[in-house]
Amino acid sequence: MTTSTTPEVTVRIRGLVKRYAGTAAVDGLDLDIRTGEVFALLGPNGAGKTTTVEILEGYRRRDGGEVAVLGQDPATAGPDWRSRIGIVLQTSAESAELTVEEMVRHFALYYPAPRDPDQVIASVGLQERRSARVRALSGGQRRRLDVALGIVGDPALLFLDEPTTGFDPQARHAFWDLVRELRRDGTTILLTTHYLDEAEQLADRVGVISAGRLMTVDTPQNLGGRAGQRARVTWQDADGRHERSTDTPTAVVAELSARFGGEVAGLQVLRPTLEDAYLSMITESQDRQDRQDRQDRVLADEGMDPR
């Protein structure tokens, strides 16, 4: 089945359901991913992220709902469709005896219109290691090779699954620059990550999934209404640390500056972080699920169908 999408939408999901042994891992999920954006899918382990992504990649069958990726149903799409997606998994590239250049050139042969392998190697920062064998690469360099293999086919849609796990801070920031460059080139990117700062740095929008359901989709800045929440202004003086909650932090800072005659020791203006908003939503969802489970057990004990 081919399902149409508008040019502005690369991924369209309606009512997606996937069950394992009768339990819904994905439970009626609806989602649109816009063409050219970086979309981060967030959620705790077991929330349904991996199942959802594997369905979108065409590696897992769904039990219900409609899915269109690049205008086609992944369950029935053919090789031409697959050549338009790129996948960077959590596991690193093998073939340890091949060199970086040999790996990239070999993978380029799988695609009808690949990127130039030399440009791909340079774009992921492996130009100086092009002749090195895979087994001689560091962990960060192997991850860059994974990305090179994922983008050499010039995909319209790139799946990044926990791409910077195990990276040191310098390697993570270099990788972020690469993702931004891919986005500027027009690649749509679906990112799954447990690093909230990574989502905040890279994503145009984020979706939070819990218990197989999509709780919300918003920009990182607005997730959970954090942009509209009160700021906390903190400062230090001879009496210790002070804090004031306010809707007008600029006015409070000006007041403090006038009081102290200029510089204010330990001055900070703090708003809820993306992590704060995310953890609050996940905790609320889990509490709600726990209440439902308790209610179901009570009904089952009374011989009633909880559903």
C-alpha atoms as a PDB file:
ATOM      1  CA  MET A   1       0.000   0.000   0.000  1.00  0.00           C
ATOM      2  CA  THR A   2       1.254   3.474  -0.848  1.00  0.00           C
ATOM      3  CA  THR A   3      -0.021   6.238   1.402  1.00  0.00           C
ATOM      4  CA  SER A   4       0.274   9.830   0.236  1.00  0.00           C
ATOM      5  CA  THR A   5       1.892  12.545   2.282  1.00  0.00           C
ATOM      6  CA  THR A   6       2.190  16.240   1.649  1.00  0.00           C
ATOM      7  CA  PRO A   7       5.603  17.579   0.568  1.00  0.00           C
ATOM      8  CA  GLU A   8       5.978  19.165   4.008  1.00  0.00           C
ATOM      9  CA  VAL A   9       5.693  15.864   5.888  1.00  0.00           C
ATOM     10  CA  THR A  10       8.280  13.086   5.634  1.00  0.00           C
ATOM     11  CA  VAL A  11       6.763  10.772   8.280  1.00  0.00           C
ATOM     12  CA  ARG A  12       3.034  10.426   8.966  1.00  0.00           C
ATOM     13  CA  ILE A  13       1.709   8.053  11.650  1.00  0.00           C
ATOM     14  CA  ARG A  14      -1.939   7.561  12.576  1.00  0.00           C
ATOM     15  CA  GLY A  15      -3.177   5.161  15.258  1.00  0.00           C
ATOM     16  CA  LEU A  16      -0.008   3.046  15.315  1.00  0.00           C
ATOM     17  CA  VAL A  17      -0.344  -0.125  17.399  1.00  0.00           C
ATOM     18  CA  LYS A  18       2.161  -2.869  18.138  1.00  0.00           C
ATOM     19  CA  ARG A  19       1.526  -5.650  20.659  1.00  0.00           C
ATOM     20  CA  TYR A  20       3.760  -8.262  22.200  1.00  0.00           C
ATOM     21  CA  ALA A  21       2.007 -11.197  23.884  1.00  0.00           C
ATOM     22  CA  GLY A  22      -1.168  -9.166  24.030  1.00  0.00           C
ATOM     23  CA  THR A  23       0.456  -6.129  25.656  1.00  0.00           C
ATOM     24  CA  ALA A  24       0.591  -2.900  23.657  1.00  0.00           C
ATOM     25  CA  ALA A  25       4.156  -1.619  23.277  1.00  0.00           C
ATOM     26  CA  VAL A  26       2.814   1.136  21.025  1.00  0.00           C
ATOM     27  CA  ASP A  27      -0.754   2.135  21.746  1.00  0.00           C
ATOM     28  CA  GLY A  28      -2.489   4.371  19.191  1.00  0.00           C
ATOM     29  CA  LEU A  29       0.379   6.725  18.379  1.00  0.00           C
ATOM     30  CA  ASP A  30      -0.150   9.711  16.057  1.00  0.00           C
ATOM     31  CA  LEU A  31       2.803  11.755  14.771  1.00  0.00           C
ATOM     32  CA  ASP A  32       3.938  13.932  11.856  1.00  0.00           C
ATOM     33  CA  ILE A  33       7.624  14.653  11.216  1.00  0.00           C
ATOM     34  CA  ARG A  34       8.188  17.630   8.957  1.00  0.00           C
ATOM     35  CA  THR A  35      10.502  17.584   5.996  1.00  0.00           C
ATOM     36  CA  GLY A  36      13.912  19.059   6.801  1.00  0.00           C
ATOM     37  CA  GLU A  37      13.571  19.097  10.585  1.00  0.00           C
ATOM     38  CA  VAL A  38      15.474  17.330  13.343  1.00  0.00           C
ATOM     39  CA  PHE A  39      12.880  15.532  15.458  1.00  0.00           C
ATOM     40  CA  ALA A  40      13.921  13.990  18.782  1.00  0.00           C
ATOM     41  CA  LEU A  41      11.862  11.127  20.201  1.00  0.00           C
ATOM     42  CA  LEU A  42      12.300  10.969  23.982  1.00  0.00           C
ATOM     43  CA  GLY A  43      11.128   8.452  26.522  1.00  0.00           C
ATOM     44  CA  PRO A  44      12.290   5.985  29.173  1.00  0.00           C
ATOM     45  CA  ASN A  45      13.414   2.455  28.357  1.00  0.00           C
ATOM     46  CA  GLY A  46      10.431   0.334  27.396  1.00  0.00           C
ATOM     47  CA  ALA A  47       8.330   3.334  26.364  1.00  0.00           C
ATOM     48  CA  GLY A  48       7.971   2.160  22.754  1.00  0.00           C
ATOM     49  CA  LYS A  49      10.619   4.322  21.056  1.00  0.00           C
ATOM     50  CA  THR A  50      12.623   1.493  19.518  1.00  0.00           C
ATOM     51  CA  THR A  51       9.523  -0.367  18.329  1.00  0.00           C
ATOM     52  CA  THR A  52       8.165   2.792  16.701  1.00  0.00           C
ATOM     53  CA  VAL A  53      11.448   3.548  14.945  1.00  0.00           C
ATOM     54  CA  GLU A  54      11.861  -0.044  13.723  1.00  0.00           C
ATOM     55  CA  ILE A  55       8.364   0.109  12.197  1.00  0.00           C
ATOM     56  CA  LEU A  56       9.279   3.348  10.432  1.00  0.00           C
ATOM     57  CA  GLU A  57      12.481   1.751   9.136  1.00  0.00           C
ATOM     58  CA  GLY A  58      10.535  -1.212   7.765  1.00  0.00           C
ATOM     59  CA  TYR A  59      12.172  -3.764  10.052  1.00  0.00           C
ATOM     60  CA  ARG A  60       9.135  -4.545  12.207  1.00  0.00           C
ATOM     61  CA  ARG A  61       5.499  -5.181  11.303  1.00  0.00           C
ATOM     62  CA  ARG A  62       2.777  -3.197  12.997  1.00  0.00           C
ATOM     63  CA  ASP A  63      -0.502  -4.604  14.288  1.00  0.00           C
ATOM     64  CA  GLY A  64      -2.628  -1.579  13.475  1.00  0.00           C
ATOM     65  CA  GLY A  65      -2.696   1.976  12.226  1.00  0.00           C
ATOM     66  CA  GLU A  66      -1.357   3.768   9.149  1.00  0.00           C
ATOM     67  CA  VAL A  67       2.275   4.708   8.484  1.00  0.00           C
ATOM     68  CA  ALA A  68       3.754   6.642   5.575  1.00  0.00           C
ATOM     69  CA  VAL A  69       7.496   7.325   5.336  1.00  0.00           C
ATOM     70  CA  LEU A  70       8.636   9.293   2.300  1.00  0.00           C
ATOM     71  CA  GLY A  71       5.177   8.678   0.891  1.00  0.00           C
ATOM     72  CA  GLN A  72       5.190   4.886   1.202  1.00  0.00           C
ATOM     73  CA  ASP A  73       4.220   2.208   3.689  1.00  0.00           C
ATOM     74  CA  PRO A  74       7.486   0.823   5.125  1.00  0.00           C
ATOM     75  CA  ALA A  75       5.908  -2.629   5.427  1.00  0.00           C
ATOM     76  CA  THR A  76       5.624  -2.966   1.642  1.00  0.00           C
ATOM     77  CA  ALA A  77       8.147  -0.463   0.259  1.00  0.00           C
ATOM     78  CA  GLY A  78      10.835  -1.735  -2.075  1.00  0.00           C
ATOM     79  CA  PRO A  79      14.562  -1.165  -2.650  1.00  0.00           C
ATOM     80  CA  ASP A  80      14.101   2.271  -4.211  1.00  0.00           C
ATOM     81  CA  TRP A  81      12.430   3.483  -1.010  1.00  0.00           C
ATOM     82  CA  ARG A  82      15.102   1.880   1.184  1.00  0.00           C
ATOM     83  CA  SER A  83      17.841   3.651  -0.768  1.00  0.00           C
ATOM     84  CA  ARG A  84      16.324   6.976   0.364  1.00  0.00           C
ATOM     85  CA  ILE A  85      16.723   6.316   4.088  1.00  0.00           C
ATOM     86  CA  GLY A  86      19.866   6.154   6.200  1.00  0.00           C
ATOM     87  CA  ILE A  87      20.194   4.338   9.517  1.00  0.00           C
ATOM     88  CA  VAL A  88      22.816   4.810  12.225  1.00  0.00           C
ATOM     89  CA  LEU A  89      22.319   2.148  14.887  1.00  0.00           C
ATOM     90  CA  GLN A  90      23.771   1.973  18.394  1.00  0.00           C
ATOM     91  CA  THR A  91      26.207  -0.754  17.359  1.00  0.00           C
ATOM     92  CA  SER A  92      29.436   0.224  15.611  1.00  0.00           C
ATOM     93  CA  ALA A  93      30.634  -0.796  12.181  1.00  0.00           C
ATOM     94  CA  GLU A  94      32.529  -4.049  11.934  1.00  0.00           C
ATOM     95  CA  SER A  95      34.625  -5.431   9.044  1.00  0.00           C
ATOM     96  CA  ALA A  96      37.670  -4.597  11.154  1.00  0.00           C
ATOM     97  CA  GLU A  97      40.265  -5.392   8.454  1.00  0.00           C
ATOM     98  CA  LEU A  98      38.882  -2.901   5.941  1.00  0.00           C
ATOM     99  CA  THR A  99      40.042   0.696   5.917  1.00  0.00           C
ATOM    100  CA  VAL A 100      37.737   3.658   6.394  1.00  0.00           C
ATOM    101  CA  GLU A 101      37.907   4.485   2.707  1.00  0.00           C
ATOM    102  CA  GLU A 102      37.235   0.894   1.670  1.00  0.00           C
ATOM    103  CA  MET A 103      34.173   0.714   3.932  1.00  0.00           C
ATOM    104  CA  VAL A 104      32.652   3.956   2.652  1.00  0.00           C
ATOM    105  CA  ARG A 105      33.311   3.144  -1.000  1.00  0.00           C
ATOM    106  CA  HIS A 106      31.888  -0.354  -0.553  1.00  0.00           C
ATOM    107  CA  PHE A 107      28.665   0.933   1.012  1.00  0.00           C
ATOM    108  CA  ALA A 108      28.335   3.597  -1.705  1.00  0.00           C
ATOM    109  CA  LEU A 109      27.943   0.788  -4.259  1.00  0.00           C
ATOM    110  CA  TYR A 110      24.596  -0.163  -2.682  1.00  0.00           C
ATOM    111  CA  TYR A 111      22.917   3.105  -3.716  1.00  0.00           C
ATOM    112  CA  PRO A 112      21.805   4.409  -7.116  1.00  0.00           C
ATOM    113  CA  ALA A 113      23.018   7.985  -6.534  1.00  0.00           C
ATOM    114  CA  PRO A 114      25.444   8.044  -3.587  1.00  0.00           C
ATOM    115  CA  ARG A 115      27.372  10.985  -2.267  1.00  0.00           C
ATOM    116  CA  ASP A 116      30.993  11.275  -3.229  1.00  0.00           C
ATOM    117  CA  PRO A 117      32.842   8.984  -0.763  1.00  0.00           C
ATOM    118  CA  ASP A 118      35.735  11.424  -0.410  1.00  0.00           C
ATOM    119  CA  GLN A 119      33.349  14.224   0.563  1.00  0.00           C
ATOM    120  CA  VAL A 120      31.545  11.955   3.008  1.00  0.00           C
ATOM    121  CA  ILE A 121      34.792  10.958   4.705  1.00  0.00           C
ATOM    122  CA  ALA A 122      35.773  14.616   5.020  1.00  0.00           C
ATOM    123  CA  SER A 123      32.336  15.636   6.303  1.00  0.00           C
ATOM    124  CA  VAL A 124      32.552  13.234   9.265  1.00  0.00           C
ATOM    125  CA  GLY A 125      36.078  14.315  10.145  1.00  0.00           C
ATOM    126  CA  LEU A 126      37.877  11.112   9.142  1.00  0.00           C
ATOM    127  CA  GLN A 127      39.998  12.464   6.305  1.00  0.00           C
ATOM    128  CA  GLU A 128      43.231  11.928   8.223  1.00  0.00           C
ATOM    129  CA  ARG A 129      42.124   8.382   9.136  1.00  0.00           C
ATOM    130  CA  ARG A 130      40.896   7.318   5.705  1.00  0.00           C
ATOM    131  CA  SER A 131      43.651   4.693   5.351  1.00  0.00           C
ATOM    132  CA  ALA A 132      43.280   3.372   8.915  1.00  0.00           C
ATOM    133  CA  ARG A 133      41.695  -0.025   9.457  1.00  0.00           C
ATOM    134  CA  VAL A 134      38.419  -0.054  11.345  1.00  0.00           C
ATOM    135  CA  ARG A 135      39.950  -2.025  14.219  1.00  0.00           C
ATOM    136  CA  ALA A 136      42.440   0.810  14.778  1.00  0.00           C
ATOM    137  CA  LEU A 137      39.780   3.513  15.209  1.00  0.00           C
ATOM    138  CA  SER A 138      38.798   4.978  18.558  1.00  0.00           C
ATOM    139  CA  GLY A 139      35.205   4.662  19.753  1.00  0.00           C
ATOM    140  CA  GLY A 140      34.360   8.175  18.597  1.00  0.00           C
ATOM    141  CA  GLN A 141      35.976   7.591  15.217  1.00  0.00           C
ATOM    142  CA  ARG A 142      33.999   4.369  14.758  1.00  0.00           C
ATOM    143  CA  ARG A 143      30.823   6.287  15.483  1.00  0.00           C
ATOM    144  CA  ARG A 144      31.768   8.813  12.817  1.00  0.00           C
ATOM    145  CA  LEU A 145      32.284   5.942  10.402  1.00  0.00           C
ATOM    146  CA  ASP A 146      28.798   4.676  11.290  1.00  0.00           C
ATOM    147  CA  VAL A 147      27.432   8.081  10.322  1.00  0.00           C
ATOM    148  CA  ALA A 148      29.442   8.082   7.098  1.00  0.00           C
ATOM    149  CA  LEU A 149      27.896   4.728   6.154  1.00  0.00           C
ATOM    150  CA  GLY A 150      24.455   6.088   7.050  1.00  0.00           C
ATOM    151  CA  ILE A 151      24.719   9.183   4.848  1.00  0.00           C
ATOM    152  CA  VAL A 152      26.783   7.952   1.885  1.00  0.00           C
ATOM    153  CA  GLY A 153      23.544   7.042   0.087  1.00  0.00           C
ATOM    154  CA  ASP A 154      22.430  10.704   0.339  1.00  0.00           C
ATOM    155  CA  PRO A 155      19.286   9.827   2.319  1.00  0.00           C
ATOM    156  CA  ALA A 156      16.238  12.048   2.475  1.00  0.00           C
ATOM    157  CA  LEU A 157      15.572  10.682   5.975  1.00  0.00           C
ATOM    158  CA  LEU A 158      18.244   9.728   8.514  1.00  0.00           C
ATOM    159  CA  PHE A 159      17.565   7.682  11.657  1.00  0.00           C
ATOM    160  CA  LEU A 160      20.028   8.347  14.503  1.00  0.00           C
ATOM    161  CA  ASP A 161      19.663   5.902  17.407  1.00  0.00           C
ATOM    162  CA  GLU A 162      21.527   7.082  20.520  1.00  0.00           C
ATOM    163  CA  PRO A 163      24.287   8.419  18.267  1.00  0.00           C
ATOM    164  CA  THR A 164      26.661   9.823  20.911  1.00  0.00           C
ATOM    165  CA  THR A 165      26.527   7.102  23.558  1.00  0.00           C
ATOM    166  CA  GLY A 166      30.046   6.756  24.976  1.00  0.00           C
ATOM    167  CA  PHE A 167      31.340   9.968  23.400  1.00  0.00           C
ATOM    168  CA  ASP A 168      33.572  12.325  25.338  1.00  0.00           C
ATOM    169  CA  PRO A 169      32.354  15.972  25.462  1.00  0.00           C
ATOM    170  CA  GLN A 170      34.596  17.122  22.619  1.00  0.00           C
ATOM    171  CA  ALA A 171      33.457  14.307  20.325  1.00  0.00           C
ATOM    172  CA  ARG A 172      29.805  14.976  21.176  1.00  0.00           C
ATOM    173  CA  HIS A 173      30.054  18.642  20.229  1.00  0.00           C
ATOM    174  CA  ALA A 174      31.829  17.776  16.977  1.00  0.00           C
ATOM    175  CA  PHE A 175      29.061  15.283  16.187  1.00  0.00           C
ATOM    176  CA  TRP A 176      26.408  17.903  16.897  1.00  0.00           C
ATOM    177  CA  ASP A 177      28.055  20.171  14.336  1.00  0.00           C
ATOM    178  CA  LEU A 178      27.818  17.352  11.801  1.00  0.00           C
ATOM    179  CA  VAL A 179      24.093  16.863  12.485  1.00  0.00           C
ATOM    180  CA  ARG A 180      23.508  20.603  12.052  1.00  0.00           C
ATOM    181  CA  GLU A 181      25.335  20.469   8.720  1.00  0.00           C
ATOM    182  CA  LEU A 182      23.184  17.561   7.543  1.00  0.00           C
ATOM    183  CA  ARG A 183      20.068  19.504   8.494  1.00  0.00           C
ATOM    184  CA  ARG A 184      21.296  22.531   6.554  1.00  0.00           C
ATOM    185  CA  ASP A 185      21.687  20.235   3.549  1.00  0.00           C
ATOM    186  CA  GLY A 186      17.973  19.405   3.818  1.00  0.00           C
ATOM    187  CA  THR A 187      18.147  15.954   5.458  1.00  0.00           C
ATOM    188  CA  THR A 188      15.218  15.089   7.723  1.00  0.00           C
ATOM    189  CA  ILE A 189      16.538  13.496  10.914  1.00  0.00           C
ATOM    190  CA  LEU A 190      14.779  11.347  13.508  1.00  0.00           C
ATOM    191  CA  LEU A 191      16.897  11.268  16.654  1.00  0.00           C
ATOM    192  CA  THR A 192      16.435   9.047  19.691  1.00  0.00           C
ATOM    193  CA  THR A 193      18.572   9.986  22.681  1.00  0.00           C
ATOM    194  CA  HIS A 194      18.705   9.809  26.448  1.00  0.00           C
ATOM    195  CA  TYR A 195      20.762  13.011  26.574  1.00  0.00           C
ATOM    196  CA  LEU A 196      18.348  15.878  27.142  1.00  0.00           C
ATOM    197  CA  ASP A 197      20.998  18.498  26.369  1.00  0.00           C
ATOM    198  CA  GLU A 198      21.542  16.803  23.010  1.00  0.00           C
ATOM    199  CA  ALA A 199      17.846  17.079  22.179  1.00  0.00           C
ATOM    200  CA  GLU A 200      17.829  20.711  23.255  1.00  0.00           C
ATOM    201  CA  GLN A 201      20.866  21.516  21.116  1.00  0.00           C
ATOM    202  CA  LEU A 202      19.782  19.708  17.949  1.00  0.00           C
ATOM    203  CA  ALA A 203      16.017  19.234  17.762  1.00  0.00           C
ATOM    204  CA  ASP A 204      13.541  21.573  16.126  1.00  0.00           C
ATOM    205  CA  ARG A 205      10.810  19.642  17.939  1.00  0.00           C
ATOM    206  CA  VAL A 206      10.686  16.850  20.488  1.00  0.00           C
ATOM    207  CA  GLY A 207       8.090  14.199  21.193  1.00  0.00           C
ATOM    208  CA  VAL A 208       7.773  12.456  24.554  1.00  0.00           C
ATOM    209  CA  ILE A 209       6.543   8.864  24.516  1.00  0.00           C
ATOM    210  CA  SER A 210       5.524   6.899  27.592  1.00  0.00           C
ATOM    211  CA  ALA A 211       3.804   3.499  27.854  1.00  0.00           C
ATOM    212  CA  GLY A 212       3.473   3.409  24.085  1.00  0.00           C
ATOM    213  CA  ARG A 213       1.608   6.697  23.835  1.00  0.00           C
ATOM    214  CA  LEU A 214       2.796  10.052  22.583  1.00  0.00           C
ATOM    215  CA  MET A 215       2.284  12.463  25.464  1.00  0.00           C
ATOM    216  CA  THR A 216       3.194  15.693  23.701  1.00  0.00           C
ATOM    217  CA  VAL A 217       5.083  17.266  20.810  1.00  0.00           C
ATOM    218  CA  ASP A 218       6.614  20.718  21.137  1.00  0.00           C
ATOM    219  CA  THR A 219       9.795  22.703  20.701  1.00  0.00           C
ATOM    220  CA  PRO A 220      12.483  22.027  23.313  1.00  0.00           C
ATOM    221  CA  GLN A 221      11.992  25.561  24.622  1.00  0.00           C
ATOM    222  CA  ASN A 222       8.251  25.165  25.155  1.00  0.00           C
ATOM    223  CA  LEU A 223       7.995  21.519  26.238  1.00  0.00           C
ATOM    224  CA  GLY A 224       5.734  21.151  29.246  1.00  0.00           C
ATOM    225  CA  GLY A 225       5.038  24.898  29.219  1.00  0.00           C
ATOM    226  CA  ARG A 226       8.530  25.600  30.560  1.00  0.00           C
ATOM    227  CA  ALA A 227       8.895  28.870  28.627  1.00  0.00           C
ATOM    228  CA  GLY A 228       5.932  30.323  30.483  1.00  0.00           C
ATOM    229  CA  GLN A 229       6.937  29.178  33.951  1.00  0.00           C
ATOM    230  CA  ARG A 230       8.304  31.576  36.555  1.00  0.00           C
ATOM    231  CA  ALA A 231      12.014  32.255  36.693  1.00  0.00           C
ATOM    232  CA  ARG A 232      14.136  31.890  39.812  1.00  0.00           C
ATOM    233  CA  VAL A 233      16.642  34.646  40.550  1.00  0.00           C
ATOM    234  CA  THR A 234      19.339  33.632  43.019  1.00  0.00           C
ATOM    235  CA  TRP A 235      22.186  35.667  44.530  1.00  0.00           C
ATOM    236  CA  GLN A 236      24.668  35.701  47.391  1.00  0.00           C
ATOM    237  CA  ASP A 237      25.331  38.259  50.115  1.00  0.00           C
ATOM    238  CA  ALA A 238      26.770  38.355  53.637  1.00  0.00           C
ATOM    239  CA  ASP A 239      23.641  36.631  55.002  1.00  0.00           C
ATOM    240  CA  GLY A 240      23.931  33.672  52.614  1.00  0.00           C
ATOM    241  CA  ARG A 241      22.181  32.470  49.478  1.00  0.00           C
ATOM    242  CA  HIS A 242      18.840  34.022  48.461  1.00  0.00           C
ATOM    243  CA  GLU A 243      16.220  33.136  45.898  1.00  0.00           C
ATOM    244  CA  ARG A 244      13.182  34.904  44.467  1.00  0.00           C
ATOM    245  CA  SER A 245      10.558  33.433  42.119  1.00  0.00           C
ATOM    246  CA  THR A 246       9.326  36.005  39.595  1.00  0.00           C
ATOM    247  CA  ASP A 247       7.642  36.643  36.259  1.00  0.00           C
ATOM    248  CA  THR A 248       9.897  39.666  35.685  1.00  0.00           C
ATOM    249  CA  PRO A 249      13.506  38.514  36.208  1.00  0.00           C
ATOM    250  CA  THR A 250      14.974  41.511  34.379  1.00  0.00           C
ATOM    251  CA  ALA A 251      13.343  43.884  36.851  1.00  0.00           C
ATOM    252  CA  VAL A 252      14.622  41.827  39.800  1.00  0.00           C
ATOM    253  CA  VAL A 253      18.165  41.843  38.391  1.00  0.00           C
ATOM    254  CA  ALA A 254      17.979  45.620  37.935  1.00  0.00           C
ATOM    255  CA  GLU A 255      16.745  46.027  41.510  1.00  0.00           C
ATOM    256  CA  LEU A 256      19.566  43.883  42.864  1.00  0.00           C
ATOM    257  CA  SER A 257      22.148  45.702  40.780  1.00  0.00           C
ATOM    258  CA  ALA A 258      20.972  49.029  42.182  1.00  0.00           C
ATOM    259  CA  ARG A 259      20.957  47.664  45.729  1.00  0.00           C
ATOM    260  CA  PHE A 260      24.506  46.324  45.533  1.00  0.00           C
ATOM    261  CA  GLY A 261      25.884  49.166  43.430  1.00  0.00           C
ATOM    262  CA  GLY A 262      26.698  47.129  40.339  1.00  0.00           C
ATOM    263  CA  GLU A 263      27.886  43.517  40.378  1.00  0.00           C
ATOM    264  CA  VAL A 264      25.768  41.006  42.313  1.00  0.00           C
ATOM    265  CA  ALA A 265      27.650  38.073  43.798  1.00  0.00           C
ATOM    266  CA  GLY A 266      26.512  34.629  42.595  1.00  0.00           C
ATOM    267  CA  LEU A 267      23.727  36.055  40.435  1.00  0.00           C
ATOM    268  CA  GLN A 268      21.784  33.479  38.440  1.00  0.00           C
ATOM    269  CA  VAL A 269      18.510  33.586  36.522  1.00  0.00           C
ATOM    270  CA  LEU A 270      17.123  30.066  36.238  1.00  0.00           C
ATOM    271  CA  ARG A 271      14.155  28.628  34.375  1.00  0.00           C
ATOM    272  CA  PRO A 272      12.982  24.994  34.304  1.00  0.00           C
ATOM    273  CA  THR A 273      15.286  22.974  32.071  1.00  0.00           C
ATOM    274  CA  LEU A 274      14.197  20.543  29.379  1.00  0.00           C
ATOM    275  CA  GLU A 275      15.187  17.775  31.777  1.00  0.00           C
ATOM    276  CA  ASP A 276      12.933  19.250  34.475  1.00  0.00           C
ATOM    277  CA  ALA A 277       9.966  19.340  32.082  1.00  0.00           C
ATOM    278  CA  TYR A 278      10.674  15.864  30.724  1.00  0.00           C
ATOM    279  CA  LEU A 279      11.054  14.196  34.125  1.00  0.00           C
ATOM    280  CA  SER A 280       7.891  15.872  35.385  1.00  0.00           C
ATOM    281  CA  MET A 281       5.911  14.526  32.421  1.00  0.00           C
ATOM    282  CA  ILE A 282       7.336  11.008  32.705  1.00  0.00           C
ATOM    283  CA  THR A 283       6.733  10.880  36.463  1.00  0.00           C
ATOM    284  CA  GLU A 284       3.138  12.025  35.987  1.00  0.00           C
ATOM    285  CA  SER A 285       2.598   9.409  33.277  1.00  0.00           C
ATOM    286  CA  GLN A 286       4.055   6.614  35.394  1.00  0.00           C
ATOM    287  CA  ASP A 287       1.988   7.641  38.410  1.00  0.00           C
ATOM    288  CA  ARG A 288      -1.142   7.596  36.266  1.00  0.00           C
ATOM    289  CA  GLN A 289      -0.240   4.151  34.911  1.00  0.00           C
ATOM    290  CA  ASP A 290       0.384   2.840  38.450  1.00  0.00           C
ATOM    291  CA  ARG A 291      -3.043   4.075  39.552  1.00  0.00           C
ATOM    292  CA  GLN A 292      -4.662   2.393  36.552  1.00  0.00           C
ATOM    293  CA  ASP A 293      -2.843  -0.877  37.256  1.00  0.00           C
ATOM    294  CA  ARG A 294      -4.002  -0.844  40.880  1.00  0.00           C
ATOM    295  CA  GLN A 295      -7.574  -0.179  39.782  1.00  0.00           C
ATOM    296  CA  ASP A 296      -7.394  -3.039  37.260  1.00  0.00           C
ATOM    297  CA  ARG A 297      -6.146  -5.425  39.934  1.00  0.00           C
ATOM    298  CA  VAL A 298      -9.011  -4.480  42.264  1.00  0.00           C
ATOM    299  CA  LEU A 299     -11.585  -5.062  39.518  1.00  0.00           C
ATOM    300  CA  ALA A 300      -9.963  -8.371  38.578  1.00  0.00           C
ATOM    301  CA  ASP A 301     -10.045  -9.501  42.206  1.00  0.00           C
ATOM    302  CA  GLU A 302     -13.781  -8.729  42.245  1.00  0.00           C
ATOM    303  CA  GLY A 303     -14.300 -10.834  39.142  1.00  0.00           C
ATOM    304  CA  MET A 304     -14.918  -7.873  36.868  1.00  0.00           C
ATOM    305  CA  ASP A 305     -13.321  -7.181  33.491  1.00  0.00           C
ATOM    306  CA  PRO A 306     -10.952  -4.229  34.094  1.00  0.00           C
ATOM    307  CA  ARG A 307     -11.292  -3.146  30.490  1.00  0.00           C
END
